[in-house]
C-alpha atoms as a PDB file:
ATOM      1  CA  UNK A   1       0.000   0.000   0.000  1.00  0.00           C
ATOM      2  CA  UNK A   2       2.827   2.375   0.812  1.00  0.00           C
ATOM      3  CA  UNK A   3       4.413   1.666  -2.581  1.00  0.00           C
ATOM      4  CA  UNK A   4       1.122   2.441  -4.311  1.00  0.00           C
ATOM      5  CA  UNK A   5       0.853   5.679  -2.342  1.00  0.00           C
ATOM      6  CA  UNK A   6       4.417   6.941  -2.602  1.00  0.00           C
ATOM      7  CA  UNK A   7       5.057   5.755  -6.162  1.00  0.00           C
ATOM      8  CA  UNK A   8       1.640   6.449  -7.666  1.00  0.00           C
ATOM      9  CA  UNK A   9       1.886   2.959  -9.178  1.00  0.00           C
ATOM     10  CA  UNK A  10      -0.797   0.262  -9.212  1.00  0.00           C
ATOM     11  CA  UNK A  11       1.315  -2.842  -9.867  1.00  0.00           C
ATOM     12  CA  UNK A  12       3.278  -4.800  -7.275  1.00  0.00           C
ATOM     13  CA  UNK A  13       6.949  -3.879  -6.708  1.00  0.00           C
ATOM     14  CA  UNK A  14       9.449  -6.034  -8.577  1.00  0.00           C
ATOM     15  CA  UNK A  15      12.040  -5.391  -5.860  1.00  0.00           C
ATOM     16  CA  UNK A  16      11.952  -3.675  -2.454  1.00  0.00           C
ATOM     17  CA  UNK A  17      15.098  -2.287  -0.808  1.00  0.00           C
ATOM     18  CA  UNK A  18      14.789  -1.202   2.805  1.00  0.00           C
ATOM     19  CA  UNK A  19      17.692  -0.484   5.103  1.00  0.00           C
ATOM     20  CA  UNK A  20      18.989   1.907   7.733  1.00  0.00           C
ATOM     21  CA  UNK A  21      22.562   3.205   7.693  1.00  0.00           C
ATOM     22  CA  UNK A  22      24.156   4.551  10.877  1.00  0.00           C
ATOM     23  CA  UNK A  23      27.611   6.033  11.290  1.00  0.00           C
ATOM     24  CA  UNK A  24      29.324   9.098   9.882  1.00  0.00           C
ATOM     25  CA  UNK A  25      26.224   9.407   7.706  1.00  0.00           C
ATOM     26  CA  UNK A  26      22.837   8.231   9.001  1.00  0.00           C
ATOM     27  CA  UNK A  27      19.786   7.683   6.816  1.00  0.00           C
ATOM     28  CA  UNK A  28      16.938   5.284   6.136  1.00  0.00           C
ATOM     29  CA  UNK A  29      15.834   4.331   2.649  1.00  0.00           C
ATOM     30  CA  UNK A  30      12.806   2.484   1.329  1.00  0.00           C
ATOM     31  CA  UNK A  31      13.134   2.004  -2.439  1.00  0.00           C
ATOM     32  CA  UNK A  32      10.879   0.161  -4.891  1.00  0.00           C
ATOM     33  CA  UNK A  33      11.573  -1.029  -8.429  1.00  0.00           C
ATOM     34  CA  UNK A  34       8.197  -1.360 -10.211  1.00  0.00           C
ATOM     35  CA  UNK A  35       7.230  -4.540 -12.055  1.00  0.00           C
ATOM     36  CA  UNK A  36       5.756  -2.493 -14.917  1.00  0.00           C
ATOM     37  CA  UNK A  37       7.034   0.482 -16.889  1.00  0.00           C
ATOM     38  CA  UNK A  38       5.837   3.892 -15.545  1.00  0.00           C
ATOM     39  CA  UNK A  39       4.043   6.036 -18.146  1.00  0.00           C
ATOM     40  CA  UNK A  40       6.488   8.937 -17.669  1.00  0.00           C
ATOM     41  CA  UNK A  41       9.675   6.868 -18.036  1.00  0.00           C
ATOM     42  CA  UNK A  42      10.803   8.716 -21.161  1.00  0.00           C
ATOM     43  CA  UNK A  43       9.754  12.180 -20.022  1.00  0.00           C
ATOM     44  CA  UNK A  44      12.395  14.626 -21.376  1.00  0.00           C
ATOM     45  CA  UNK A  45      12.866  16.127 -17.892  1.00  0.00           C
ATOM     46  CA  UNK A  46      14.093  12.727 -16.628  1.00  0.00           C
ATOM     47  CA  UNK A  47      13.165  13.485 -13.025  1.00  0.00           C
ATOM     48  CA  UNK A  48      14.172  11.033 -10.311  1.00  0.00           C
ATOM     49  CA  UNK A  49      11.142   9.782  -8.369  1.00  0.00           C
ATOM     50  CA  UNK A  50      12.418   9.828  -4.782  1.00  0.00           C
ATOM     51  CA  UNK A  51      11.019  11.857  -1.879  1.00  0.00           C
ATOM     52  CA  UNK A  52      13.485  13.362   0.599  1.00  0.00           C
ATOM     53  CA  UNK A  53      12.777  13.701   4.312  1.00  0.00           C
ATOM     54  CA  UNK A  54      15.032  15.089   7.056  1.00  0.00           C
ATOM     55  CA  UNK A  55      14.417  13.668  10.543  1.00  0.00           C
ATOM     56  CA  UNK A  56      10.973  12.503   9.308  1.00  0.00           C
ATOM     57  CA  UNK A  57      10.089  16.004   8.053  1.00  0.00           C
ATOM     58  CA  UNK A  58       9.113  16.182   4.374  1.00  0.00           C
ATOM     59  CA  UNK A  59      11.519  18.259   2.252  1.00  0.00           C
ATOM     60  CA  UNK A  60      10.848  17.617  -1.441  1.00  0.00           C
ATOM     61  CA  UNK A  61       9.515  15.298  -4.149  1.00  0.00           C
ATOM     62  CA  UNK A  62      11.659  14.329  -7.143  1.00  0.00           C
ATOM     63  CA  UNK A  63      14.993  14.715  -5.368  1.00  0.00           C
ATOM     64  CA  UNK A  64      17.384  14.385  -8.317  1.00  0.00           C
ATOM     65  CA  UNK A  65      20.412  14.317  -6.005  1.00  0.00           C
ATOM     66  CA  UNK A  66      19.625  10.867  -4.562  1.00  0.00           C
ATOM     67  CA  UNK A  67      19.977   8.599  -7.626  1.00  0.00           C
ATOM     68  CA  UNK A  68      21.328   9.007 -11.185  1.00  0.00           C
ATOM     69  CA  UNK A  69      18.689   9.975 -13.754  1.00  0.00           C
ATOM     70  CA  UNK A  70      18.933   6.583 -15.491  1.00  0.00           C
ATOM     71  CA  UNK A  71      17.419   5.041 -12.317  1.00  0.00           C
ATOM     72  CA  UNK A  72      14.397   7.373 -12.452  1.00  0.00           C
ATOM     73  CA  UNK A  73      11.994   4.404 -12.542  1.00  0.00           C
ATOM     74  CA  UNK A  74      12.783   3.734  -8.852  1.00  0.00           C
ATOM     75  CA  UNK A  75      10.153   4.982  -6.403  1.00  0.00           C
ATOM     76  CA  UNK A  76      10.522   5.550  -2.681  1.00  0.00           C
ATOM     77  CA  UNK A  77      11.693   7.723   0.191  1.00  0.00           C
ATOM     78  CA  UNK A  78      14.983   8.593   1.859  1.00  0.00           C
ATOM     79  CA  UNK A  79      15.053  10.036   5.380  1.00  0.00           C
ATOM     80  CA  UNK A  80      18.351  11.708   6.374  1.00  0.00           C
ATOM     81  CA  UNK A  81      19.480  12.437   9.912  1.00  0.00           C
ATOM     82  CA  UNK A  82      22.280  14.792   8.884  1.00  0.00           C
ATOM     83  CA  UNK A  83      20.813  17.491   6.626  1.00  0.00           C
ATOM     84  CA  UNK A  84      19.483  20.779   8.042  1.00  0.00           C
ATOM     85  CA  UNK A  85      15.690  21.053   8.139  1.00  0.00           C
ATOM     86  CA  UNK A  86      15.766  24.395   6.312  1.00  0.00           C
ATOM     87  CA  UNK A  87      17.819  23.092   3.386  1.00  0.00           C
ATOM     88  CA  UNK A  88      16.955  24.802   0.091  1.00  0.00           C
ATOM     89  CA  UNK A  89      16.733  23.376  -3.441  1.00  0.00           C
ATOM     90  CA  UNK A  90      19.980  25.233  -4.294  1.00  0.00           C
ATOM     91  CA  UNK A  91      21.776  23.740  -1.286  1.00  0.00           C
ATOM     92  CA  UNK A  92      20.608  20.242  -2.248  1.00  0.00           C
ATOM     93  CA  UNK A  93      22.453  20.437  -5.565  1.00  0.00           C
ATOM     94  CA  UNK A  94      25.881  20.803  -3.987  1.00  0.00           C
ATOM     95  CA  UNK A  95      25.549  18.967  -0.701  1.00  0.00           C
ATOM     96  CA  UNK A  96      28.380  16.483   0.063  1.00  0.00           C
ATOM     97  CA  UNK A  97      26.190  14.379   2.378  1.00  0.00           C
ATOM     98  CA  UNK A  98      23.609  13.884  -0.383  1.00  0.00           C
ATOM     99  CA  UNK A  99      26.382  12.964  -2.805  1.00  0.00           C
ATOM    100  CA  UNK A 100      27.565  10.234  -0.408  1.00  0.00           C
ATOM    101  CA  UNK A 101      24.004   8.932   0.009  1.00  0.00           C
ATOM    102  CA  UNK A 102      23.620   8.876  -3.781  1.00  0.00           C
ATOM    103  CA  UNK A 103      26.794   6.801  -4.220  1.00  0.00           C
ATOM    104  CA  UNK A 104      25.698   4.358  -1.503  1.00  0.00           C
ATOM    105  CA  UNK A 105      22.140   3.971  -2.863  1.00  0.00           C
ATOM    106  CA  UNK A 106      23.388   3.515  -6.435  1.00  0.00           C
ATOM    107  CA  UNK A 107      25.833   0.827  -5.290  1.00  0.00           C
ATOM    108  CA  UNK A 108      23.075  -0.924  -3.334  1.00  0.00           C
ATOM    109  CA  UNK A 109      20.769  -0.991  -6.366  1.00  0.00           C
ATOM    110  CA  UNK A 110      23.587  -2.351  -8.551  1.00  0.00           C
ATOM    111  CA  UNK A 111      24.368  -5.096  -6.018  1.00  0.00           C
ATOM    112  CA  UNK A 112      20.732  -6.206  -5.865  1.00  0.00           C
ATOM    113  CA  UNK A 113      20.414  -6.186  -9.658  1.00  0.00           C
ATOM    114  CA  UNK A 114      23.581  -8.298  -9.965  1.00  0.00           C
ATOM    115  CA  UNK A 115      22.126 -10.843  -7.523  1.00  0.00           C
ATOM    116  CA  UNK A 116      18.913 -11.010  -9.554  1.00  0.00           C
ATOM    117  CA  UNK A 117      20.805 -11.367 -12.839  1.00  0.00           C
ATOM    118  CA  UNK A 118      22.745 -14.332 -11.424  1.00  0.00           C
ATOM    119  CA  UNK A 119      20.000 -16.130  -9.497  1.00  0.00           C
ATOM    120  CA  UNK A 120      16.697 -15.286 -11.206  1.00  0.00           C
ATOM    121  CA  UNK A 121      17.286 -15.095 -14.961  1.00  0.00           C
ATOM    122  CA  UNK A 122      13.671 -14.864 -16.156  1.00  0.00           C
ATOM    123  CA  UNK A 123      12.840 -12.359 -13.453  1.00  0.00           C
ATOM    124  CA  UNK A 124      15.829 -10.236 -14.428  1.00  0.00           C
ATOM    125  CA  UNK A 125      14.924 -10.398 -18.106  1.00  0.00           C
ATOM    126  CA  UNK A 126      11.523  -8.885 -17.318  1.00  0.00           C
ATOM    127  CA  UNK A 127      13.285  -6.056 -15.461  1.00  0.00           C
ATOM    128  CA  UNK A 128      15.595  -5.440 -18.421  1.00  0.00           C
ATOM    129  CA  UNK A 129      12.721  -5.487 -20.904  1.00  0.00           C
ATOM    130  CA  UNK A 130      11.067  -2.741 -18.859  1.00  0.00           C
ATOM    131  CA  UNK A 131      14.032  -0.584 -17.919  1.00  0.00           C
ATOM    132  CA  UNK A 132      17.062  -1.561 -20.021  1.00  0.00           C
ATOM    133  CA  UNK A 133      16.564   1.348 -22.410  1.00  0.00           C
ATOM    134  CA  UNK A 134      16.993   3.898 -19.607  1.00  0.00           C
ATOM    135  CA  UNK A 135      19.711   1.964 -17.762  1.00  0.00           C
ATOM    136  CA  UNK A 136      21.800   2.145 -20.957  1.00  0.00           C
ATOM    137  CA  UNK A 137      21.764   5.953 -20.701  1.00  0.00           C
ATOM    138  CA  UNK A 138      24.304   5.471 -17.913  1.00  0.00           C
ATOM    139  CA  UNK A 139      26.768   3.906 -20.346  1.00  0.00           C
ATOM    140  CA  UNK A 140      27.534   7.324 -21.832  1.00  0.00           C
ATOM    141  CA  UNK A 141      26.613   9.518 -18.825  1.00  0.00           C
ATOM    142  CA  UNK A 142      28.160   7.701 -15.865  1.00  0.00           C
ATOM    143  CA  UNK A 143      31.758   6.734 -16.612  1.00  0.00           C
ATOM    144  CA  UNK A 144      32.421   5.705 -12.995  1.00  0.00           C
ATOM    145  CA  UNK A 145      29.759   2.967 -13.163  1.00  0.00           C
ATOM    146  CA  UNK A 146      30.181   1.979 -16.808  1.00  0.00           C
ATOM    147  CA  UNK A 147      31.765  -1.409 -16.074  1.00  0.00           C
ATOM    148  CA  UNK A 148      28.943  -2.582 -13.814  1.00  0.00           C
ATOM    149  CA  UNK A 149      26.343  -1.274 -16.284  1.00  0.00           C
ATOM    150  CA  UNK A 150      27.995  -3.249 -19.099  1.00  0.00           C
ATOM    151  CA  UNK A 151      27.923  -6.313 -16.854  1.00  0.00           C
ATOM    152  CA  UNK A 152      24.196  -5.835 -16.163  1.00  0.00           C
ATOM    153  CA  UNK A 153      23.212  -5.047 -19.767  1.00  0.00           C
ATOM    154  CA  UNK A 154      21.282  -7.665 -21.723  1.00  0.00           C
ATOM    155  CA  UNK A 155      20.648  -7.976 -25.474  1.00  0.00           C
ATOM    156  CA  UNK A 156      18.711 -10.005 -27.984  1.00  0.00           C
ATOM    157  CA  UNK A 157      20.831 -11.780 -30.578  1.00  0.00           C
ATOM    158  CA  UNK A 158      20.633 -13.915 -33.701  1.00  0.00           C
ATOM    159  CA  UNK A 159      21.589 -17.148 -31.953  1.00  0.00           C
ATOM    160  CA  UNK A 160      20.010 -17.054 -28.479  1.00  0.00           C
ATOM    161  CA  UNK A 161      16.523 -17.385 -27.096  1.00  0.00           C
ATOM    162  CA  UNK A 162      15.732 -14.577 -24.672  1.00  0.00           C
ATOM    163  CA  UNK A 163      18.494 -12.174 -23.668  1.00  0.00           C
ATOM    164  CA  UNK A 164      22.266 -12.517 -23.462  1.00  0.00           C
ATOM    165  CA  UNK A 165      24.971 -10.688 -21.540  1.00  0.00           C
ATOM    166  CA  UNK A 166      28.055  -9.278 -23.253  1.00  0.00           C
ATOM    167  CA  UNK A 167      30.272 -11.637 -21.251  1.00  0.00           C
ATOM    168  CA  UNK A 168      28.339 -14.652 -22.538  1.00  0.00           C
ATOM    169  CA  UNK A 169      28.511 -13.310 -26.107  1.00  0.00           C
ATOM    170  CA  UNK A 170      32.309 -12.981 -25.853  1.00  0.00           C
ATOM    171  CA  UNK A 171      32.525 -16.531 -24.480  1.00  0.00           C
ATOM    172  CA  UNK A 172      30.661 -17.846 -27.538  1.00  0.00           C
ATOM    173  CA  UNK A 173      32.733 -15.894 -30.083  1.00  0.00           C
ATOM    174  CA  UNK A 174      34.277 -17.844 -32.961  1.00  0.00           C
ATOM    175  CA  UNK A 175      38.008 -18.486 -32.996  1.00  0.00           C
ATOM    176  CA  UNK A 176      39.696 -15.515 -34.618  1.00  0.00           C
ATOM    177  CA  UNK A 177      36.670 -13.223 -34.171  1.00  0.00           C
ATOM    178  CA  UNK A 178      37.916  -9.893 -32.872  1.00  0.00           C
ATOM    179  CA  UNK A 179      34.710  -7.834 -32.734  1.00  0.00           C
ATOM    180  CA  UNK A 180      31.269  -7.839 -31.096  1.00  0.00           C
ATOM    181  CA  UNK A 181      28.939  -7.542 -34.076  1.00  0.00           C
ATOM    182  CA  UNK A 182      25.616  -5.742 -33.860  1.00  0.00           C
ATOM    183  CA  UNK A 183      22.831  -4.519 -36.109  1.00  0.00           C
ATOM    184  CA  UNK A 184      20.485  -1.668 -35.168  1.00  0.00           C
ATOM    185  CA  UNK A 185      16.831  -1.109 -36.065  1.00  0.00           C
ATOM    186  CA  UNK A 186      13.379  -0.587 -34.618  1.00  0.00           C
ATOM    187  CA  UNK A 187      12.218  -4.204 -34.364  1.00  0.00           C
ATOM    188  CA  UNK A 188      14.323  -7.212 -33.322  1.00  0.00           C
ATOM    189  CA  UNK A 189      12.438  -9.759 -35.448  1.00  0.00           C
ATOM    190  CA  UNK A 190      12.627  -7.549 -38.528  1.00  0.00           C
ATOM    191  CA  UNK A 191      16.359  -6.816 -38.304  1.00  0.00           C
ATOM    192  CA  UNK A 192      17.078 -10.489 -37.572  1.00  0.00           C
ATOM    193  CA  UNK A 193      15.809 -11.189 -41.120  1.00  0.00           C
ATOM    194  CA  UNK A 194      18.015  -8.510 -42.714  1.00  0.00           C
ATOM    195  CA  UNK A 195      19.842  -9.645 -45.900  1.00  0.00           C
ATOM    196  CA  UNK A 196      22.943  -8.016 -44.407  1.00  0.00           C
ATOM    197  CA  UNK A 197      23.109 -10.846 -41.866  1.00  0.00           C
ATOM    198  CA  UNK A 198      23.219 -13.686 -44.404  1.00  0.00           C
ATOM    199  CA  UNK A 199      27.013 -13.868 -44.354  1.00  0.00           C
ATOM    200  CA  UNK A 200      27.035 -13.962 -40.543  1.00  0.00           C
ATOM    201  CA  UNK A 201      24.432 -16.753 -40.493  1.00  0.00           C
ATOM    202  CA  UNK A 202      26.408 -18.750 -43.032  1.00  0.00           C
ATOM    203  CA  UNK A 203      29.498 -18.532 -40.813  1.00  0.00           C
ATOM    204  CA  UNK A 204      27.435 -19.051 -37.627  1.00  0.00           C
ATOM    205  CA  UNK A 205      28.628 -15.703 -36.238  1.00  0.00           C
ATOM    206  CA  UNK A 206      26.340 -14.228 -33.578  1.00  0.00           C
ATOM    207  CA  UNK A 207      25.048 -10.670 -34.020  1.00  0.00           C
ATOM    208  CA  UNK A 208      23.418  -8.528 -31.320  1.00  0.00           C
ATOM    209  CA  UNK A 209      20.037  -7.002 -32.240  1.00  0.00           C
ATOM    210  CA  UNK A 210      19.845  -3.417 -30.949  1.00  0.00           C
ATOM    211  CA  UNK A 211      16.432  -1.747 -30.988  1.00  0.00           C
ATOM    212  CA  UNK A 212      16.655   1.131 -28.491  1.00  0.00           C
ATOM    213  CA  UNK A 213      17.341   4.678 -29.763  1.00  0.00           C
ATOM    214  CA  UNK A 214      19.882   5.076 -26.946  1.00  0.00           C
ATOM    215  CA  UNK A 215      22.120   2.419 -28.563  1.00  0.00           C
ATOM    216  CA  UNK A 216      23.446   4.877 -31.155  1.00  0.00           C
ATOM    217  CA  UNK A 217      24.769   7.050 -28.300  1.00  0.00           C
ATOM    218  CA  UNK A 218      26.446   4.572 -25.961  1.00  0.00           C
ATOM    219  CA  UNK A 219      28.207   2.351 -28.510  1.00  0.00           C
ATOM    220  CA  UNK A 220      30.526   5.116 -29.841  1.00  0.00           C
ATOM    221  CA  UNK A 221      31.129   6.235 -26.248  1.00  0.00           C
ATOM    222  CA  UNK A 222      32.009   2.761 -24.905  1.00  0.00           C
ATOM    223  CA  UNK A 223      33.851   1.487 -27.988  1.00  0.00           C
ATOM    224  CA  UNK A 224      34.764  -1.985 -26.695  1.00  0.00           C
ATOM    225  CA  UNK A 225      34.101  -4.659 -24.083  1.00  0.00           C
ATOM    226  CA  UNK A 226      36.790  -7.016 -22.770  1.00  0.00           C
ATOM    227  CA  UNK A 227      39.094  -5.654 -25.512  1.00  0.00           C
ATOM    228  CA  UNK A 228      36.593  -6.628 -28.218  1.00  0.00           C
ATOM    229  CA  UNK A 229      35.476  -3.722 -30.401  1.00  0.00           C
ATOM    230  CA  UNK A 230      31.796  -3.121 -31.124  1.00  0.00           C
ATOM    231  CA  UNK A 231      31.318  -3.280 -34.893  1.00  0.00           C
ATOM    232  CA  UNK A 232      28.215  -2.799 -37.016  1.00  0.00           C
ATOM    233  CA  UNK A 233      27.291  -5.829 -39.129  1.00  0.00           C
ATOM    234  CA  UNK A 234      26.222  -3.417 -41.872  1.00  0.00           C
ATOM    235  CA  UNK A 235      29.751  -2.084 -42.446  1.00  0.00           C
ATOM    236  CA  UNK A 236      31.135  -3.088 -45.821  1.00  0.00           C
ATOM    237  CA  UNK A 237      34.632  -3.886 -44.568  1.00  0.00           C
ATOM    238  CA  UNK A 238      33.600  -6.796 -42.317  1.00  0.00           C
ATOM    239  CA  UNK A 239      35.856  -9.804 -42.798  1.00  0.00           C
ATOM    240  CA  UNK A 240      34.246 -13.160 -41.920  1.00  0.00           C
ATOM    241  CA  UNK A 241      36.906 -15.333 -43.542  1.00  0.00           C
ATOM    242  CA  UNK A 242      38.385 -16.429 -40.215  1.00  0.00           C
END
């Protein structure tokens, strides 16, 4: 009921994170990852959906300083013991305590997502289907967390049912293959039938099927994974003779 109230969502939470931190920095957080995609997920303002309290006193909705914008699907509240009660919106933007809380909350979310990706594959695939497109924004915005985002990312491909990780793709690569091949388009089934993939199918070379608009931004920014370069299957200089 609290999730429905605080998140303005009518599904059941896919994941609930509740903990209290005491020490140099003291705060309580109650975070929810929805099981369905919020209607405003791709709002251009990209506002984070967390409410901030200080010593149980309400401060603000949409506190963008508590999580990165690519986690804006997360709903919930954070109650800090350390911030002043009269803190202003301007002070929030440059507050070192909030920055530390943000790093800790982001790390906690990543850790829980990694557990899910390892122990509940189908469950995690449903999460990625809902929120992968926004999580991938972090690949070109958040250099500090790029490695863990690449580890969490999942993709459809020409040779796998469901989704695959980049690490699993690299493990399946053909001997002599030096690139992670991909093809981009609006619909996975349609691009999987592209005539440009015939040579790859003949050589049994796997190709990732990228269908999110964000893909054209993060691939040039990231460049490679485990020393394997990302390379478009539509480039004319692709050599499959190996």
